[in-house]
PDB file of N, CA and C in Angstrom:
ATOM      1  N   MET A   1      54.605-107.649 -19.977  1.00  0.00           N
ATOM      2  CA  MET A   1      53.217-107.735 -20.376  1.00  0.00           C
ATOM      3  C   MET A   1      53.158-107.905 -21.889  1.00  0.00           C
ATOM      4  N   CYS A   2      52.205-108.718 -22.340  1.00  0.00           N
ATOM      5  CA  CYS A   2      52.040-108.883 -23.778  1.00  0.00           C
ATOM      6  C   CYS A   2      50.617-108.512 -24.162  1.00  0.00           C
ATOM      7  N   LEU A   3      50.458-108.198 -25.406  1.00  0.00           N
ATOM      8  CA  LEU A   3      49.154-107.813 -25.935  1.00  0.00           C
ATOM      9  C   LEU A   3      48.595-108.988 -26.726  1.00  0.00           C
ATOM     10  N   ALA A   4      47.445-109.489 -26.327  1.00  0.00           N
ATOM     11  CA  ALA A   4      46.822-110.611 -27.024  1.00  0.00           C
ATOM     12  C   ALA A   4      45.876-110.075 -28.098  1.00  0.00           C
ATOM     13  N   ILE A   5      46.116-110.481 -29.317  1.00  0.00           N
ATOM     14  CA  ILE A   5      45.319-110.025 -30.455  1.00  0.00           C
ATOM     15  C   ILE A   5      44.509-111.209 -30.974  1.00  0.00           C
ATOM     16  N   PRO A   6      43.212-111.016 -31.181  1.00  0.00           N
ATOM     17  CA  PRO A   6      42.407-112.132 -31.685  1.00  0.00           C
ATOM     18  C   PRO A   6      42.741-112.461 -33.139  1.00  0.00           C
ATOM     19  N   GLY A   7      42.678-113.739 -33.440  1.00  0.00           N
ATOM     20  CA  GLY A   7      42.859-114.213 -34.807  1.00  0.00           C
ATOM     21  C   GLY A   7      41.713-115.128 -35.170  1.00  0.00           C
ATOM     22  N   ARG A   8      41.520-115.348 -36.455  1.00  0.00           N
ATOM     23  CA  ARG A   8      40.409-116.177 -36.939  1.00  0.00           C
ATOM     24  C   ARG A   8      40.928-117.554 -37.335  1.00  0.00           C
ATOM     25  N   ILE A   9      40.267-118.583 -36.868  1.00  0.00           N
ATOM     26  CA  ILE A   9      40.646-119.954 -37.224  1.00  0.00           C
ATOM     27  C   ILE A   9      40.304-120.200 -38.692  1.00  0.00           C
ATOM     28  N   VAL A  10      41.309-120.629 -39.456  1.00  0.00           N
ATOM     29  CA  VAL A  10      41.090-120.916 -40.872  1.00  0.00           C
ATOM     30  C   VAL A  10      41.120-122.412 -41.167  1.00  0.00           C
ATOM     31  N   LYS A  11      41.666-123.195 -40.219  1.00  0.00           N
ATOM     32  CA  LYS A  11      41.751-124.641 -40.424  1.00  0.00           C
ATOM     33  C   LYS A  11      41.973-125.301 -39.070  1.00  0.00           C
ATOM     34  N   ILE A  12      41.406-126.494 -38.908  1.00  0.00           N
ATOM     35  CA  ILE A  12      41.654-127.283 -37.707  1.00  0.00           C
ATOM     36  C   ILE A  12      42.053-128.684 -38.149  1.00  0.00           C
ATOM     37  N   LYS A  13      43.174-129.151 -37.605  1.00  0.00           N
ATOM     38  CA  LYS A  13      43.661-130.494 -37.889  1.00  0.00           C
ATOM     39  C   LYS A  13      43.885-131.171 -36.547  1.00  0.00           C
ATOM     40  N   SER A  14      43.086-132.170 -36.275  1.00  0.00           N
ATOM     41  CA  SER A  14      43.103-132.847 -34.980  1.00  0.00           C
ATOM     42  C   SER A  14      42.739-131.817 -33.916  1.00  0.00           C
ATOM     43  N   ASN A  15      43.631-131.521 -32.997  1.00  0.00           N
ATOM     44  CA  ASN A  15      43.340-130.507 -31.976  1.00  0.00           C
ATOM     45  C   ASN A  15      44.224-129.267 -32.125  1.00  0.00           C
ATOM     46  N   VAL A  16      44.709-129.025 -33.347  1.00  0.00           N
ATOM     47  CA  VAL A  16      45.550-127.857 -33.615  1.00  0.00           C
ATOM     48  C   VAL A  16      44.837-126.943 -34.614  1.00  0.00           C
ATOM     49  N   ALA A  17      44.663-125.689 -34.204  1.00  0.00           N
ATOM     50  CA  ALA A  17      44.017-124.692 -35.056  1.00  0.00           C
ATOM     51  C   ALA A  17      45.071-123.861 -35.776  1.00  0.00           C
ATOM     52  N   ILE A  18      44.848-123.586 -37.043  1.00  0.00           N
ATOM     53  CA  ILE A  18      45.658-122.631 -37.788  1.00  0.00           C
ATOM     54  C   ILE A  18      44.911-121.307 -37.681  1.00  0.00           C
ATOM     55  N   VAL A  19      45.564-120.308 -37.080  1.00  0.00           N
ATOM     56  CA  VAL A  19      44.921-119.032 -36.782  1.00  0.00           C
ATOM     57  C   VAL A  19      45.524-117.947 -37.660  1.00  0.00           C
ATOM     58  N   ASP A  20      44.660-117.230 -38.372  1.00  0.00           N
ATOM     59  CA  ASP A  20      45.081-116.178 -39.299  1.00  0.00           C
ATOM     60  C   ASP A  20      45.023-114.813 -38.619  1.00  0.00           C
ATOM     61  N   TYR A  21      46.148-114.087 -38.702  1.00  0.00           N
ATOM     62  CA  TYR A  21      46.240-112.744 -38.138  1.00  0.00           C
ATOM     63  C   TYR A  21      46.391-111.678 -39.224  1.00  0.00           C
ATOM     64  N   LYS A  22      46.051-112.018 -40.451  1.00  0.00           N
ATOM     65  CA  LYS A  22      46.168-111.154 -41.642  1.00  0.00           C
ATOM     66  C   LYS A  22      47.613-110.986 -42.092  1.00  0.00           C
ATOM     67  N   THR A  23      48.560-110.790 -41.174  1.00  0.00           N
ATOM     68  CA  THR A  23      49.959-110.639 -41.563  1.00  0.00           C
ATOM     69  C   THR A  23      50.719-111.952 -41.470  1.00  0.00           C
ATOM     70  N   GLU A  24      50.165-112.919 -40.734  1.00  0.00           N
ATOM     71  CA  GLU A  24      50.796-114.228 -40.596  1.00  0.00           C
ATOM     72  C   GLU A  24      49.778-115.232 -40.070  1.00  0.00           C
ATOM     73  N   GLN A  25      50.137-116.504 -40.165  1.00  0.00           N
ATOM     74  CA  GLN A  25      49.317-117.562 -39.593  1.00  0.00           C
ATOM     75  C   GLN A  25      50.157-118.311 -38.565  1.00  0.00           C
ATOM     76  N   ARG A  26      49.506-118.683 -37.469  1.00  0.00           N
ATOM     77  CA  ARG A  26      50.185-119.427 -36.409  1.00  0.00           C
ATOM     78  C   ARG A  26      49.313-120.591 -35.967  1.00  0.00           C
ATOM     79  N   GLU A  27      49.943-121.540 -35.298  1.00  0.00           N
ATOM     80  CA  GLU A  27      49.227-122.688 -34.765  1.00  0.00           C
ATOM     81  C   GLU A  27      48.915-122.472 -33.298  1.00  0.00           C
ATOM     82  N   GLY A  28      47.779-123.012 -32.886  1.00  0.00           N
ATOM     83  CA  GLY A  28      47.408-122.995 -31.479  1.00  0.00           C
ATOM     84  C   GLY A  28      46.714-124.293 -31.125  1.00  0.00           C
ATOM     85  N   ARG A  29      47.189-124.949 -30.096  1.00  0.00           N
ATOM     86  CA  ARG A  29      46.598-126.214 -29.677  1.00  0.00           C
ATOM     87  C   ARG A  29      45.313-125.947 -28.898  1.00  0.00           C
ATOM     88  N   ILE A  30      44.238-126.625 -29.297  1.00  0.00           N
ATOM     89  CA  ILE A  30      42.951-126.509 -28.614  1.00  0.00           C
ATOM     90  C   ILE A  30      42.943-127.530 -27.485  1.00  0.00           C
ATOM     91  N   VAL A  31      42.938-127.051 -26.240  1.00  0.00           N
ATOM     92  CA  VAL A  31      43.012-127.959 -25.101  1.00  0.00           C
ATOM     93  C   VAL A  31      41.675-128.128 -24.389  1.00  0.00           C
ATOM     94  N   GLU A  32      40.751-127.184 -24.546  1.00  0.00           N
ATOM     95  CA  GLU A  32      39.418-127.347 -23.972  1.00  0.00           C
ATOM     96  C   GLU A  32      38.423-126.497 -24.744  1.00  0.00           C
ATOM     97  N   GLY A  33      37.174-126.842 -24.624  1.00  0.00           N
ATOM     98  CA  GLY A  33      36.134-126.108 -25.332  1.00  0.00           C
ATOM     99  C   GLY A  33      35.994-126.584 -26.767  1.00  0.00           C
ATOM    100  N   HIS A  34      35.041-126.015 -27.451  1.00  0.00           N
ATOM    101  CA  HIS A  34      34.769-126.380 -28.841  1.00  0.00           C
ATOM    102  C   HIS A  34      35.057-125.179 -29.735  1.00  0.00           C
ATOM    103  N   CYS A  35      35.943-125.359 -30.674  1.00  0.00           N
ATOM    104  CA  CYS A  35      36.275-124.313 -31.645  1.00  0.00           C
ATOM    105  C   CYS A  35      36.036-124.861 -33.038  1.00  0.00           C
ATOM    106  N   LYS A  36      35.655-123.976 -33.948  1.00  0.00           N
ATOM    107  CA  LYS A  36      35.441-124.388 -35.330  1.00  0.00           C
ATOM    108  C   LYS A  36      36.030-123.331 -36.267  1.00  0.00           C
ATOM    109  N   LYS A  37      36.149-123.706 -37.516  1.00  0.00           N
ATOM    110  CA  LYS A  37      36.646-122.797 -38.540  1.00  0.00           C
ATOM    111  C   LYS A  37      35.776-121.535 -38.545  1.00  0.00           C
ATOM    112  N   GLY A  38      36.427-120.365 -38.562  1.00  0.00           N
ATOM    113  CA  GLY A  38      35.708-119.097 -38.560  1.00  0.00           C
ATOM    114  C   GLY A  38      35.626-118.442 -37.190  1.00  0.00           C
ATOM    115  N   ASP A  39      35.861-119.216 -36.116  1.00  0.00           N
ATOM    116  CA  ASP A  39      35.847-118.647 -34.768  1.00  0.00           C
ATOM    117  C   ASP A  39      37.052-117.741 -34.560  1.00  0.00           C
ATOM    118  N   TYR A  40      36.874-116.716 -33.734  1.00  0.00           N
ATOM    119  CA  TYR A  40      37.979-115.859 -33.323  1.00  0.00           C
ATOM    120  C   TYR A  40      38.476-116.325 -31.966  1.00  0.00           C
ATOM    121  N   VAL A  41      39.798-116.413 -31.832  1.00  0.00           N
ATOM    122  CA  VAL A  41      40.394-116.919 -30.601  1.00  0.00           C
ATOM    123  C   VAL A  41      41.615-116.091 -30.210  1.00  0.00           C
ATOM    124  N   ILE A  42      41.994-116.257 -28.951  1.00  0.00           N
ATOM    125  CA  ILE A  42      43.246-115.709 -28.436  1.00  0.00           C
ATOM    126  C   ILE A  42      44.183-116.891 -28.234  1.00  0.00           C
ATOM    127  N   VAL A  43      45.400-116.794 -28.771  1.00  0.00           N
ATOM    128  CA  VAL A  43      46.407-117.836 -28.614  1.00  0.00           C
ATOM    129  C   VAL A  43      47.553-117.261 -27.787  1.00  0.00           C
ATOM    130  N   GLN A  44      47.944-117.989 -26.749  1.00  0.00           N
ATOM    131  CA  GLN A  44      49.049-117.559 -25.882  1.00  0.00           C
ATOM    132  C   GLN A  44      49.927-118.775 -25.626  1.00  0.00           C
ATOM    133  N   GLY A  45      51.196-118.648 -25.902  1.00  0.00           N
ATOM    134  CA  GLY A  45      52.129-119.748 -25.661  1.00  0.00           C
ATOM    135  C   GLY A  45      51.795-121.001 -26.445  1.00  0.00           C
ATOM    136  N   GLY A  46      51.214-120.837 -27.633  1.00  0.00           N
ATOM    137  CA  GLY A  46      50.890-121.969 -28.475  1.00  0.00           C
ATOM    138  C   GLY A  46      49.590-122.676 -28.123  1.00  0.00           C
ATOM    139  N   LEU A  47      48.830-122.116 -27.161  1.00  0.00           N
ATOM    140  CA  LEU A  47      47.560-122.701 -26.747  1.00  0.00           C
ATOM    141  C   LEU A  47      46.415-121.735 -27.012  1.00  0.00           C
ATOM    142  N   VAL A  48      45.293-122.257 -27.479  1.00  0.00           N
ATOM    143  CA  VAL A  48      44.083-121.447 -27.606  1.00  0.00           C
ATOM    144  C   VAL A  48      43.546-121.286 -26.193  1.00  0.00           C
ATOM    145  N   ILE A  49      43.593-120.049 -25.670  1.00  0.00           N
ATOM    146  CA  ILE A  49      43.181-119.842 -24.285  1.00  0.00           C
ATOM    147  C   ILE A  49      41.778-119.276 -24.153  1.00  0.00           C
ATOM    148  N   GLU A  50      41.243-118.703 -25.252  1.00  0.00           N
ATOM    149  CA  GLU A  50      39.915-118.115 -25.157  1.00  0.00           C
ATOM    150  C   GLU A  50      39.290-117.967 -26.539  1.00  0.00           C
ATOM    151  N   LYS A  51      38.000-118.246 -26.606  1.00  0.00           N
ATOM    152  CA  LYS A  51      37.220-117.995 -27.817  1.00  0.00           C
ATOM    153  C   LYS A  51      36.532-116.649 -27.618  1.00  0.00           C
ATOM    154  N   ILE A  52      36.600-115.778 -28.633  1.00  0.00           N
ATOM    155  CA  ILE A  52      36.084-114.414 -28.543  1.00  0.00           C
ATOM    156  C   ILE A  52      34.865-114.266 -29.453  1.00  0.00           C
ATOM    157  N   PRO A  53      33.791-113.650 -28.968  1.00  0.00           N
ATOM    158  CA  PRO A  53      32.644-113.399 -29.851  1.00  0.00           C
ATOM    159  C   PRO A  53      33.071-112.573 -31.068  1.00  0.00           C
ATOM    160  N   LYS A  54      32.515-112.897 -32.227  1.00  0.00           N
ATOM    161  CA  LYS A  54      32.899-112.265 -33.490  1.00  0.00           C
ATOM    162  C   LYS A  54      32.857-110.739 -33.421  1.00  0.00           C
ATOM    163  N   LYS A  55      31.772-110.176 -32.916  1.00  0.00           N
ATOM    164  CA  LYS A  55      31.626-108.715 -32.851  1.00  0.00           C
ATOM    165  C   LYS A  55      32.731-108.091 -32.000  1.00  0.00           C
ATOM    166  N   GLN A  56      33.022-108.695 -30.856  1.00  0.00           N
ATOM    167  CA  GLN A  56      34.067-108.181 -29.973  1.00  0.00           C
ATOM    168  C   GLN A  56      35.434-108.246 -30.659  1.00  0.00           C
ATOM    169  N   ALA A  57      35.725-109.361 -31.315  1.00  0.00           N
ATOM    170  CA  ALA A  57      37.006-109.507 -32.011  1.00  0.00           C
ATOM    171  C   ALA A  57      37.140-108.474 -33.126  1.00  0.00           C
ATOM    172  N   GLU A  58      36.076-108.263 -33.895  1.00  0.00           N
ATOM    173  CA  GLU A  58      36.117-107.273 -34.981  1.00  0.00           C
ATOM    174  C   GLU A  58      36.314-105.869 -34.430  1.00  0.00           C
ATOM    175  N   ASP A  59      35.696-105.549 -33.295  1.00  0.00           N
ATOM    176  CA  ASP A  59      35.883-104.237 -32.661  1.00  0.00           C
ATOM    177  C   ASP A  59      37.332-104.051 -32.215  1.00  0.00           C
ATOM    178  N   TRP A  60      37.913-105.084 -31.611  1.00  0.00           N
ATOM    179  CA  TRP A  60      39.320-105.020 -31.179  1.00  0.00           C
ATOM    180  C   TRP A  60      40.238-104.801 -32.366  1.00  0.00           C
ATOM    181  N   LEU A  61      40.022-105.592 -33.419  1.00  0.00           N
ATOM    182  CA  LEU A  61      40.889-105.482 -34.604  1.00  0.00           C
ATOM    183  C   LEU A  61      40.764-104.112 -35.260  1.00  0.00           C
ATOM    184  N   LYS A  62      39.569-103.571 -35.277  1.00  0.00           N
ATOM    185  CA  LYS A  62      39.364-102.241 -35.830  1.00  0.00           C
ATOM    186  C   LYS A  62      40.130-101.192 -35.008  1.00  0.00           C
ATOM    187  N   ALA A  63      40.092-101.322 -33.703  1.00  0.00           N
ATOM    188  CA  ALA A  63      40.805-100.382 -32.816  1.00  0.00           C
ATOM    189  C   ALA A  63      42.321-100.477 -33.018  1.00  0.00           C
ATOM    190  N   PHE A  64      42.848-101.677 -33.251  1.00  0.00           N
ATOM    191  CA  PHE A  64      44.285-101.865 -33.452  1.00  0.00           C
ATOM    192  C   PHE A  64      44.765-101.233 -34.762  1.00  0.00           C
ATOM    193  N   GLN A  65      43.871-101.111 -35.738  1.00  0.00           N
ATOM    194  CA  GLN A  65      44.253-100.572 -37.045  1.00  0.00           C
ATOM    195  C   GLN A  65      44.416 -99.066 -37.027  1.00  0.00           C
ATOM    196  N   LYS A  66      43.892 -98.390 -36.013  1.00  0.00           N
ATOM    197  CA  LYS A  66      43.954 -96.924 -35.962  1.00  0.00           C
ATOM    198  C   LYS A  66      45.287 -96.449 -35.488  1.00  0.00           C
TER     199      LYS A  66
END
């Protein structure tokens, strides 16, 4: 089992998002849906699998910091 942590999109080039996790940045290919800079997403296996509402993502990140 793995733990999916939301990250914030800081850049999009073609269909690849650069996702910031504060400690590192990773790439995730956008295969469906509409994502833009500033959106929070879950990336699994190099793919953006879900867009997360900002409030929910911030709550998750706050819980992980404790």
